[in-house]
Amino acid sequence: MSCERAGRCPALDWKAEPLKVTVRNARFQQWEALLANRNKRQRAGLFLIQGVRPISLAAANGWRFESLLRPDGKQLSEWARGIIAGSDADVIDVAPELLAELGERGSGEPELIAVGVTRPDDFDRIACGPDFFGIVFDRPVSPGNVGTLIRSADAFGASAVVVSGHAADIYDPKAVRASTGSLFGLPVVRARSTGEVASWVRDRQRAGIALRIVGTDEHGTADIADYDLTGPLLIVIGNETTGLSAGWREVCDDIVRIPIGGGASSLNAATAGSVLLYEAARQRRAAQR
């Protein structure tokens, strides 16, 4: 459940406390839990955002901040003051040494950390029209791979990213960091199963969108450069170790391959997804000329 200001979670309602944290109190422990504990992030509907670009993109794209943490007694930059001025979030002064503990390891004390409010895993967030171009990452294990694929999807103009099945958390700090803020620039939705995604695709098809599902595998029937990746398209990348599941193989219209050479037997899943995203974007640009 999201803890937006209009409907704050009782367990996180700290209005009675001064907006200053100088010891490892319950509030600080909650922030620590948001870094390390997926279940607590899920229950609270909150996660931590760090870095100038991610925080700026989150603010620019209308993501809500539950609170903004700044170092107690320190002068802030014009950027940080602007973020604070543009938000209705609680501003909390945190002892610098405690703020450093919440920051990225080895990077010192951050100037600002945002406690962001997660968005619902709702397919209504995804607009699907004749130019739709999305990607599914099925059961990824590595949050870094999730963030990397989100970043590539954003860079190559994809419409949305879907993370399906039992997967790494898109709000894990490693995923948020690896996305370099792209998590906030396009819809990223978690789906419980292949069937949930397939049902959404069938609904789009009944609505008149000729949406195709294209999987990827080293034994695919066509090289990506020889396959038409224009038109409404949903690309599927499988798990890092086991590849496409049997369920996804059944619902895919086609399965393509990325030709590789050298001593490598396969590509990293996020790398493979990035190559496919690039090729799809290349073909679409060529079709518009």
C-alpha atoms as a PDB file:
ATOM      1  CA  MET A   1       0.000   0.000   0.000  1.00  0.00           C
ATOM      2  CA  SER A   2       1.417   3.380  -0.935  1.00  0.00           C
ATOM      3  CA  CYS A   3       1.995   5.809   1.926  1.00  0.00           C
ATOM      4  CA  GLU A   4       1.216   9.091   0.208  1.00  0.00           C
ATOM      5  CA  ARG A   5       0.695  12.163   2.339  1.00  0.00           C
ATOM      6  CA  ALA A   6      -3.056  11.996   1.829  1.00  0.00           C
ATOM      7  CA  GLY A   7      -3.147   8.493   3.289  1.00  0.00           C
ATOM      8  CA  ARG A   8      -0.053   7.912   5.449  1.00  0.00           C
ATOM      9  CA  CYS A   9       0.684   4.473   6.800  1.00  0.00           C
ATOM     10  CA  PRO A  10       0.108   4.532  10.587  1.00  0.00           C
ATOM     11  CA  ALA A  11       3.339   2.624  11.200  1.00  0.00           C
ATOM     12  CA  LEU A  12       5.239   5.410   9.441  1.00  0.00           C
ATOM     13  CA  ASP A  13       3.340   8.389  10.841  1.00  0.00           C
ATOM     14  CA  TRP A  14       6.040  10.402  12.577  1.00  0.00           C
ATOM     15  CA  LYS A  15       4.263  13.754  12.688  1.00  0.00           C
ATOM     16  CA  ALA A  16       4.445  13.813  16.480  1.00  0.00           C
ATOM     17  CA  GLU A  17       8.258  13.666  16.367  1.00  0.00           C
ATOM     18  CA  PRO A  18      10.611  16.546  15.575  1.00  0.00           C
ATOM     19  CA  LEU A  19      11.805  16.426  11.972  1.00  0.00           C
ATOM     20  CA  LYS A  20      15.351  15.628  13.020  1.00  0.00           C
ATOM     21  CA  VAL A  21      17.141  12.313  13.440  1.00  0.00           C
ATOM     22  CA  THR A  22      20.430  12.272  15.326  1.00  0.00           C
ATOM     23  CA  VAL A  23      20.425   8.716  16.717  1.00  0.00           C
ATOM     24  CA  ARG A  24      19.605   5.260  15.394  1.00  0.00           C
ATOM     25  CA  ASN A  25      15.962   5.464  16.403  1.00  0.00           C
ATOM     26  CA  ALA A  26      13.007   3.553  14.982  1.00  0.00           C
ATOM     27  CA  ARG A  27      12.702   5.929  12.070  1.00  0.00           C
ATOM     28  CA  PHE A  28      16.324   5.472  11.072  1.00  0.00           C
ATOM     29  CA  GLN A  29      15.922   1.705  11.368  1.00  0.00           C
ATOM     30  CA  GLN A  30      12.943   1.928   9.005  1.00  0.00           C
ATOM     31  CA  TRP A  31      15.126   3.642   6.410  1.00  0.00           C
ATOM     32  CA  GLU A  32      17.793   0.967   6.852  1.00  0.00           C
ATOM     33  CA  ALA A  33      15.125  -1.683   6.316  1.00  0.00           C
ATOM     34  CA  LEU A  34      14.064  -0.014   3.056  1.00  0.00           C
ATOM     35  CA  LEU A  35      17.608  -0.532   1.800  1.00  0.00           C
ATOM     36  CA  ALA A  36      17.910  -4.182   2.737  1.00  0.00           C
ATOM     37  CA  ASN A  37      14.480  -5.744   3.141  1.00  0.00           C
ATOM     38  CA  ARG A  38      12.252  -6.306   0.114  1.00  0.00           C
ATOM     39  CA  ASN A  39       9.211  -7.311   2.183  1.00  0.00           C
ATOM     40  CA  LYS A  40       9.374  -4.110   4.203  1.00  0.00           C
ATOM     41  CA  ARG A  41       9.661  -2.029   1.052  1.00  0.00           C
ATOM     42  CA  GLN A  42       6.625  -3.824  -0.318  1.00  0.00           C
ATOM     43  CA  ARG A  43       4.539  -3.392   2.839  1.00  0.00           C
ATOM     44  CA  ALA A  44       5.469   0.250   3.317  1.00  0.00           C
ATOM     45  CA  GLY A  45       5.227   1.179  -0.355  1.00  0.00           C
ATOM     46  CA  LEU A  46       8.451   3.138   0.052  1.00  0.00           C
ATOM     47  CA  PHE A  47      12.028   2.959  -1.206  1.00  0.00           C
ATOM     48  CA  LEU A  48      15.174   5.097  -1.127  1.00  0.00           C
ATOM     49  CA  ILE A  49      16.362   7.192  -4.074  1.00  0.00           C
ATOM     50  CA  GLN A  50      19.914   8.530  -4.181  1.00  0.00           C
ATOM     51  CA  GLY A  51      21.905  10.657  -6.593  1.00  0.00           C
ATOM     52  CA  VAL A  52      21.304  13.911  -8.426  1.00  0.00           C
ATOM     53  CA  ARG A  53      20.032  12.375 -11.667  1.00  0.00           C
ATOM     54  CA  PRO A  54      17.660   9.761 -10.154  1.00  0.00           C
ATOM     55  CA  ILE A  55      16.133  12.231  -7.686  1.00  0.00           C
ATOM     56  CA  SER A  56      15.810  14.909 -10.365  1.00  0.00           C
ATOM     57  CA  LEU A  57      14.137  12.513 -12.828  1.00  0.00           C
ATOM     58  CA  ALA A  58      11.793  11.197 -10.147  1.00  0.00           C
ATOM     59  CA  ALA A  59      10.733  14.760  -9.319  1.00  0.00           C
ATOM     60  CA  ALA A  60      10.400  15.748 -12.997  1.00  0.00           C
ATOM     61  CA  ASN A  61       8.196  12.724 -13.725  1.00  0.00           C
ATOM     62  CA  GLY A  62       5.839  13.328 -10.827  1.00  0.00           C
ATOM     63  CA  TRP A  63       6.941  10.586  -8.440  1.00  0.00           C
ATOM     64  CA  ARG A  64       5.893  11.337  -4.881  1.00  0.00           C
ATOM     65  CA  PHE A  65       8.392  11.673  -2.067  1.00  0.00           C
ATOM     66  CA  GLU A  66       7.300  10.676   1.424  1.00  0.00           C
ATOM     67  CA  SER A  67      10.266  12.553   2.879  1.00  0.00           C
ATOM     68  CA  LEU A  68      13.561  14.168   1.924  1.00  0.00           C
ATOM     69  CA  LEU A  69      16.614  13.551   4.099  1.00  0.00           C
ATOM     70  CA  ARG A  70      19.314  16.194   4.299  1.00  0.00           C
ATOM     71  CA  PRO A  71      22.506  16.424   6.422  1.00  0.00           C
ATOM     72  CA  ASP A  72      21.899  18.344   9.619  1.00  0.00           C
ATOM     73  CA  GLY A  73      23.797  21.605   9.810  1.00  0.00           C
ATOM     74  CA  LYS A  74      25.201  21.499   6.269  1.00  0.00           C
ATOM     75  CA  GLN A  75      24.791  24.072   3.505  1.00  0.00           C
ATOM     76  CA  LEU A  76      22.876  22.630   0.560  1.00  0.00           C
ATOM     77  CA  SER A  77      23.505  23.209  -3.132  1.00  0.00           C
ATOM     78  CA  GLU A  78      21.091  25.109  -5.338  1.00  0.00           C
ATOM     79  CA  TRP A  79      19.980  21.763  -6.810  1.00  0.00           C
ATOM     80  CA  ALA A  80      19.066  20.289  -3.421  1.00  0.00           C
ATOM     81  CA  ARG A  81      17.282  23.463  -2.338  1.00  0.00           C
ATOM     82  CA  GLY A  82      15.286  23.373  -5.580  1.00  0.00           C
ATOM     83  CA  ILE A  83      14.200  19.760  -5.027  1.00  0.00           C
ATOM     84  CA  ILE A  84      13.064  20.586  -1.500  1.00  0.00           C
ATOM     85  CA  ALA A  85      11.239  23.749  -2.606  1.00  0.00           C
ATOM     86  CA  GLY A  86       9.378  21.823  -5.311  1.00  0.00           C
ATOM     87  CA  SER A  87       8.137  19.040  -3.046  1.00  0.00           C
ATOM     88  CA  ASP A  88       5.492  18.790  -0.335  1.00  0.00           C
ATOM     89  CA  ALA A  89       7.416  15.977   1.387  1.00  0.00           C
ATOM     90  CA  ASP A  90       8.606  16.163   4.975  1.00  0.00           C
ATOM     91  CA  VAL A  91      12.171  17.497   5.147  1.00  0.00           C
ATOM     92  CA  ILE A  92      14.202  15.723   7.820  1.00  0.00           C
ATOM     93  CA  ASP A  93      17.570  16.789   9.152  1.00  0.00           C
ATOM     94  CA  VAL A  94      19.702  13.696   9.680  1.00  0.00           C
ATOM     95  CA  ALA A  95      23.046  13.521  11.487  1.00  0.00           C
ATOM     96  CA  PRO A  96      25.657  13.463   8.686  1.00  0.00           C
ATOM     97  CA  GLU A  97      27.259  10.230   9.915  1.00  0.00           C
ATOM     98  CA  LEU A  98      23.857   8.514   9.884  1.00  0.00           C
ATOM     99  CA  LEU A  99      23.033   9.841   6.432  1.00  0.00           C
ATOM    100  CA  ALA A 100      26.368   8.446   5.231  1.00  0.00           C
ATOM    101  CA  GLU A 101      25.307   5.003   6.501  1.00  0.00           C
ATOM    102  CA  LEU A 102      22.240   5.183   4.250  1.00  0.00           C
ATOM    103  CA  GLY A 103      24.286   6.350   1.280  1.00  0.00           C
ATOM    104  CA  GLU A 104      26.089   4.286  -1.303  1.00  0.00           C
ATOM    105  CA  ARG A 105      29.089   2.552   0.168  1.00  0.00           C
ATOM    106  CA  GLY A 106      32.332   4.405  -0.353  1.00  0.00           C
ATOM    107  CA  SER A 107      30.655   7.522  -1.744  1.00  0.00           C
ATOM    108  CA  GLY A 108      30.630   9.517   1.489  1.00  0.00           C
ATOM    109  CA  GLU A 109      27.767  11.528   2.861  1.00  0.00           C
ATOM    110  CA  PRO A 110      24.983  12.190   0.298  1.00  0.00           C
ATOM    111  CA  GLU A 111      23.601  15.692   0.029  1.00  0.00           C
ATOM    112  CA  LEU A 112      20.043  14.453  -0.255  1.00  0.00           C
ATOM    113  CA  ILE A 113      18.186  11.137  -0.075  1.00  0.00           C
ATOM    114  CA  ALA A 114      14.563  10.863  -1.161  1.00  0.00           C
ATOM    115  CA  VAL A 115      12.172   8.372   0.389  1.00  0.00           C
ATOM    116  CA  GLY A 116      10.065   7.625  -2.673  1.00  0.00           C
ATOM    117  CA  VAL A 117       6.538   6.224  -2.905  1.00  0.00           C
ATOM    118  CA  THR A 118       6.248   3.146  -5.133  1.00  0.00           C
ATOM    119  CA  ARG A 119       3.776   3.098  -8.007  1.00  0.00           C
ATOM    120  CA  PRO A 120       1.095   0.447  -8.487  1.00  0.00           C
ATOM    121  CA  ASP A 121       1.785  -2.608 -10.640  1.00  0.00           C
ATOM    122  CA  ASP A 122      -1.100  -1.723 -12.911  1.00  0.00           C
ATOM    123  CA  PHE A 123      -1.090  -2.419 -16.645  1.00  0.00           C
ATOM    124  CA  ASP A 124      -3.317   0.633 -17.070  1.00  0.00           C
ATOM    125  CA  ARG A 125      -0.103   2.628 -16.657  1.00  0.00           C
ATOM    126  CA  ILE A 126       1.033   1.266 -20.044  1.00  0.00           C
ATOM    127  CA  ALA A 127      -0.322   2.979 -23.142  1.00  0.00           C
ATOM    128  CA  CYS A 128      -0.430   0.490 -26.018  1.00  0.00           C
ATOM    129  CA  GLY A 129      -1.031   1.834 -29.502  1.00  0.00           C
ATOM    130  CA  PRO A 130       0.160   1.092 -33.055  1.00  0.00           C
ATOM    131  CA  ASP A 131       3.726   2.183 -32.197  1.00  0.00           C
ATOM    132  CA  PHE A 132       3.981   0.215 -28.947  1.00  0.00           C
ATOM    133  CA  PHE A 133       7.368  -1.346 -28.260  1.00  0.00           C
ATOM    134  CA  GLY A 134       7.860  -3.018 -24.874  1.00  0.00           C
ATOM    135  CA  ILE A 135      10.073  -5.587 -23.225  1.00  0.00           C
ATOM    136  CA  VAL A 136       9.482  -8.291 -20.620  1.00  0.00           C
ATOM    137  CA  PHE A 137      12.242  -9.541 -18.330  1.00  0.00           C
ATOM    138  CA  ASP A 138      11.080 -12.910 -16.995  1.00  0.00           C
ATOM    139  CA  ARG A 139      12.213 -14.022 -13.533  1.00  0.00           C
ATOM    140  CA  PRO A 140      15.467 -12.013 -13.380  1.00  0.00           C
ATOM    141  CA  VAL A 141      17.644 -12.838 -10.392  1.00  0.00           C
ATOM    142  CA  SER A 142      19.988  -9.852 -10.405  1.00  0.00           C
ATOM    143  CA  PRO A 143      18.591  -6.415  -9.466  1.00  0.00           C
ATOM    144  CA  GLY A 144      21.562  -4.909 -11.312  1.00  0.00           C
ATOM    145  CA  ASN A 145      20.433  -6.627 -14.507  1.00  0.00           C
ATOM    146  CA  VAL A 146      16.901  -5.326 -13.966  1.00  0.00           C
ATOM    147  CA  GLY A 147      18.149  -1.759 -13.629  1.00  0.00           C
ATOM    148  CA  THR A 148      20.446  -2.108 -16.630  1.00  0.00           C
ATOM    149  CA  LEU A 149      17.627  -3.350 -18.863  1.00  0.00           C
ATOM    150  CA  ILE A 150      15.344  -0.515 -17.704  1.00  0.00           C
ATOM    151  CA  ARG A 151      18.087   1.953 -18.587  1.00  0.00           C
ATOM    152  CA  SER A 152      18.502   0.420 -22.055  1.00  0.00           C
ATOM    153  CA  ALA A 153      14.744   0.384 -22.632  1.00  0.00           C
ATOM    154  CA  ASP A 154      14.590   4.079 -21.837  1.00  0.00           C
ATOM    155  CA  ALA A 155      17.629   4.870 -24.012  1.00  0.00           C
ATOM    156  CA  PHE A 156      16.239   3.059 -27.063  1.00  0.00           C
ATOM    157  CA  GLY A 157      12.731   4.469 -26.839  1.00  0.00           C
ATOM    158  CA  ALA A 158      10.777   1.517 -25.471  1.00  0.00           C
ATOM    159  CA  SER A 159       7.246   2.170 -24.267  1.00  0.00           C
ATOM    160  CA  ALA A 160       7.387   0.055 -21.099  1.00  0.00           C
ATOM    161  CA  VAL A 161       9.194  -2.651 -19.159  1.00  0.00           C
ATOM    162  CA  VAL A 162       7.424  -5.599 -17.520  1.00  0.00           C
ATOM    163  CA  VAL A 163       9.206  -7.751 -14.929  1.00  0.00           C
ATOM    164  CA  SER A 164       7.385 -11.064 -14.627  1.00  0.00           C
ATOM    165  CA  GLY A 165       7.306 -13.988 -12.226  1.00  0.00           C
ATOM    166  CA  HIS A 166       9.347 -14.437  -9.066  1.00  0.00           C
ATOM    167  CA  ALA A 167      11.955 -11.788  -9.786  1.00  0.00           C
ATOM    168  CA  ALA A 168      14.426  -9.327  -8.345  1.00  0.00           C
ATOM    169  CA  ASP A 169      12.780  -6.209  -6.956  1.00  0.00           C
ATOM    170  CA  ILE A 170      12.638  -3.186  -9.261  1.00  0.00           C
ATOM    171  CA  TYR A 171      12.899  -0.983  -6.137  1.00  0.00           C
ATOM    172  CA  ASP A 172      16.006  -2.728  -4.814  1.00  0.00           C
ATOM    173  CA  PRO A 173      18.751  -0.085  -4.345  1.00  0.00           C
ATOM    174  CA  LYS A 174      20.957  -1.908  -6.870  1.00  0.00           C
ATOM    175  CA  ALA A 175      18.186  -1.837  -9.480  1.00  0.00           C
ATOM    176  CA  VAL A 176      17.387   1.826  -8.850  1.00  0.00           C
ATOM    177  CA  ARG A 177      21.084   2.722  -9.066  1.00  0.00           C
ATOM    178  CA  ALA A 178      21.709   0.660 -12.228  1.00  0.00           C
ATOM    179  CA  SER A 179      18.751   2.305 -13.964  1.00  0.00           C
ATOM    180  CA  THR A 180      20.435   5.729 -13.440  1.00  0.00           C
ATOM    181  CA  GLY A 181      16.996   7.280 -13.088  1.00  0.00           C
ATOM    182  CA  SER A 182      15.341   5.586 -16.075  1.00  0.00           C
ATOM    183  CA  LEU A 183      13.051   3.744 -13.636  1.00  0.00           C
ATOM    184  CA  PHE A 184      11.246   7.075 -13.291  1.00  0.00           C
ATOM    185  CA  GLY A 185      11.040   7.878 -16.986  1.00  0.00           C
ATOM    186  CA  LEU A 186       8.899   5.035 -18.364  1.00  0.00           C
ATOM    187  CA  PRO A 187       6.299   2.618 -16.987  1.00  0.00           C
ATOM    188  CA  VAL A 188       7.893  -0.355 -15.202  1.00  0.00           C
ATOM    189  CA  VAL A 189       5.300  -2.882 -14.040  1.00  0.00           C
ATOM    190  CA  ARG A 190       5.662  -6.151 -12.157  1.00  0.00           C
ATOM    191  CA  ALA A 191       3.484  -9.085 -13.258  1.00  0.00           C
ATOM    192  CA  ARG A 192       2.905 -12.203 -11.191  1.00  0.00           C
ATOM    193  CA  SER A 193       2.946 -14.637 -14.086  1.00  0.00           C
ATOM    194  CA  THR A 194       3.219 -15.241 -17.816  1.00  0.00           C
ATOM    195  CA  GLY A 195      -0.548 -15.648 -17.924  1.00  0.00           C
ATOM    196  CA  GLU A 196      -1.135 -12.173 -16.521  1.00  0.00           C
ATOM    197  CA  VAL A 197       0.967 -10.601 -19.283  1.00  0.00           C
ATOM    198  CA  ALA A 198      -0.562 -12.843 -21.975  1.00  0.00           C
ATOM    199  CA  SER A 199      -4.064 -11.854 -20.850  1.00  0.00           C
ATOM    200  CA  TRP A 200      -3.146  -8.158 -21.162  1.00  0.00           C
ATOM    201  CA  VAL A 201      -1.784  -8.824 -24.680  1.00  0.00           C
ATOM    202  CA  ARG A 202      -4.994 -10.626 -25.716  1.00  0.00           C
ATOM    203  CA  ASP A 203      -7.055  -7.683 -24.458  1.00  0.00           C
ATOM    204  CA  ARG A 204      -4.965  -5.334 -26.610  1.00  0.00           C
ATOM    205  CA  GLN A 205      -5.406  -7.615 -29.612  1.00  0.00           C
ATOM    206  CA  ARG A 206      -9.183  -7.670 -29.122  1.00  0.00           C
ATOM    207  CA  ALA A 207      -9.034  -3.871 -29.043  1.00  0.00           C
ATOM    208  CA  GLY A 208      -7.508  -3.898 -32.517  1.00  0.00           C
ATOM    209  CA  ILE A 209      -3.784  -3.634 -31.692  1.00  0.00           C
ATOM    210  CA  ALA A 210      -1.854  -6.272 -33.666  1.00  0.00           C
ATOM    211  CA  LEU A 211       0.555  -6.829 -30.781  1.00  0.00           C
ATOM    212  CA  ARG A 212       3.106  -9.638 -31.281  1.00  0.00           C
ATOM    213  CA  ILE A 213       5.145 -11.428 -28.597  1.00  0.00           C
ATOM    214  CA  VAL A 214       8.699 -12.232 -29.666  1.00  0.00           C
ATOM    215  CA  GLY A 215      10.956 -14.320 -27.436  1.00  0.00           C
ATOM    216  CA  THR A 216      14.731 -14.650 -27.548  1.00  0.00           C
ATOM    217  CA  ASP A 217      16.809 -17.805 -27.444  1.00  0.00           C
ATOM    218  CA  GLU A 218      20.125 -18.998 -28.887  1.00  0.00           C
ATOM    219  CA  HIS A 219      18.161 -21.570 -30.913  1.00  0.00           C
ATOM    220  CA  GLY A 220      15.629 -19.069 -32.297  1.00  0.00           C
ATOM    221  CA  THR A 221      14.320 -19.512 -35.815  1.00  0.00           C
ATOM    222  CA  ALA A 222      15.679 -16.218 -37.213  1.00  0.00           C
ATOM    223  CA  ASP A 223      18.517 -13.775 -36.608  1.00  0.00           C
ATOM    224  CA  ILE A 224      17.306 -10.482 -35.176  1.00  0.00           C
ATOM    225  CA  ALA A 225      18.625  -8.508 -38.157  1.00  0.00           C
ATOM    226  CA  ASP A 226      16.488 -10.633 -40.485  1.00  0.00           C
ATOM    227  CA  TYR A 227      13.303 -10.439 -38.410  1.00  0.00           C
ATOM    228  CA  ASP A 228      10.785  -7.596 -38.625  1.00  0.00           C
ATOM    229  CA  LEU A 229      10.855  -5.818 -35.250  1.00  0.00           C
ATOM    230  CA  THR A 230       8.602  -2.947 -36.350  1.00  0.00           C
ATOM    231  CA  GLY A 231       4.919  -2.628 -35.484  1.00  0.00           C
ATOM    232  CA  PRO A 232       3.345  -3.277 -32.062  1.00  0.00           C
ATOM    233  CA  LEU A 233       5.832  -5.548 -30.318  1.00  0.00           C
ATOM    234  CA  LEU A 234       6.553  -7.129 -26.939  1.00  0.00           C
ATOM    235  CA  ILE A 235      10.042  -8.653 -26.645  1.00  0.00           C
ATOM    236  CA  VAL A 236      10.657 -11.283 -23.960  1.00  0.00           C
ATOM    237  CA  ILE A 237      14.032 -11.909 -22.301  1.00  0.00           C
ATOM    238  CA  GLY A 238      14.342 -15.035 -20.159  1.00  0.00           C
ATOM    239  CA  ASN A 239      15.975 -15.746 -16.819  1.00  0.00           C
ATOM    240  CA  GLU A 240      19.765 -15.289 -16.615  1.00  0.00           C
ATOM    241  CA  THR A 241      20.396 -19.007 -16.076  1.00  0.00           C
ATOM    242  CA  THR A 242      17.485 -20.955 -17.554  1.00  0.00           C
ATOM    243  CA  GLY A 243      16.371 -18.629 -20.346  1.00  0.00           C
ATOM    244  CA  LEU A 244      12.776 -18.576 -21.583  1.00  0.00           C
ATOM    245  CA  SER A 245      10.318 -20.623 -19.554  1.00  0.00           C
ATOM    246  CA  ALA A 246       8.072 -23.219 -21.161  1.00  0.00           C
ATOM    247  CA  GLY A 247       5.102 -20.931 -20.494  1.00  0.00           C
ATOM    248  CA  TRP A 248       6.649 -18.071 -22.429  1.00  0.00           C
ATOM    249  CA  ARG A 249       7.652 -20.331 -25.293  1.00  0.00           C
ATOM    250  CA  GLU A 250       4.005 -21.320 -25.665  1.00  0.00           C
ATOM    251  CA  VAL A 251       2.682 -17.758 -25.908  1.00  0.00           C
ATOM    252  CA  CYS A 252       5.429 -16.314 -28.130  1.00  0.00           C
ATOM    253  CA  ASP A 253       4.511 -15.758 -31.761  1.00  0.00           C
ATOM    254  CA  ASP A 254       8.154 -16.211 -32.774  1.00  0.00           C
ATOM    255  CA  ILE A 255      11.527 -16.792 -31.139  1.00  0.00           C
ATOM    256  CA  VAL A 256      14.595 -15.020 -32.507  1.00  0.00           C
ATOM    257  CA  ARG A 257      18.307 -15.329 -31.837  1.00  0.00           C
ATOM    258  CA  ILE A 258      21.276 -13.011 -31.524  1.00  0.00           C
ATOM    259  CA  PRO A 259      24.192 -14.373 -33.556  1.00  0.00           C
ATOM    260  CA  ILE A 260      27.389 -14.377 -31.503  1.00  0.00           C
ATOM    261  CA  GLY A 261      30.926 -15.644 -32.020  1.00  0.00           C
ATOM    262  CA  GLY A 262      34.196 -15.985 -30.185  1.00  0.00           C
ATOM    263  CA  GLY A 263      34.449 -18.106 -27.068  1.00  0.00           C
ATOM    264  CA  ALA A 264      31.229 -16.850 -25.507  1.00  0.00           C
ATOM    265  CA  SER A 265      28.441 -19.407 -25.312  1.00  0.00           C
ATOM    266  CA  SER A 266      25.772 -16.798 -24.542  1.00  0.00           C
ATOM    267  CA  LEU A 267      25.168 -13.178 -23.596  1.00  0.00           C
ATOM    268  CA  ASN A 268      24.280 -11.732 -20.225  1.00  0.00           C
ATOM    269  CA  ALA A 269      20.475 -11.382 -20.123  1.00  0.00           C
ATOM    270  CA  ALA A 270      20.518  -7.608 -19.749  1.00  0.00           C
ATOM    271  CA  THR A 271      23.073  -7.357 -22.557  1.00  0.00           C
ATOM    272  CA  ALA A 272      20.931  -9.539 -24.824  1.00  0.00           C
ATOM    273  CA  GLY A 273      17.909  -7.378 -24.047  1.00  0.00           C
ATOM    274  CA  SER A 274      19.899  -4.239 -24.836  1.00  0.00           C
ATOM    275  CA  VAL A 275      21.000  -5.653 -28.205  1.00  0.00           C
ATOM    276  CA  LEU A 276      17.390  -6.475 -29.103  1.00  0.00           C
ATOM    277  CA  LEU A 277      16.176  -3.063 -28.008  1.00  0.00           C
ATOM    278  CA  TYR A 278      18.823  -1.406 -30.169  1.00  0.00           C
ATOM    279  CA  GLU A 279      17.932  -3.515 -33.214  1.00  0.00           C
ATOM    280  CA  ALA A 280      14.222  -2.819 -32.789  1.00  0.00           C
ATOM    281  CA  ALA A 281      14.913   0.910 -32.469  1.00  0.00           C
ATOM    282  CA  ARG A 282      17.190   0.807 -35.538  1.00  0.00           C
ATOM    283  CA  GLN A 283      14.551  -0.895 -37.665  1.00  0.00           C
ATOM    284  CA  ARG A 284      11.887   1.540 -36.546  1.00  0.00           C
ATOM    285  CA  ARG A 285      14.022   4.548 -37.395  1.00  0.00           C
ATOM    286  CA  ALA A 286      14.768   3.054 -40.827  1.00  0.00           C
ATOM    287  CA  ALA A 287      11.055   2.421 -41.459  1.00  0.00           C
ATOM    288  CA  GLN A 288      10.266   6.092 -40.825  1.00  0.00           C
ATOM    289  CA  ARG A 289      12.700   7.392 -43.455  1.00  0.00           C
END
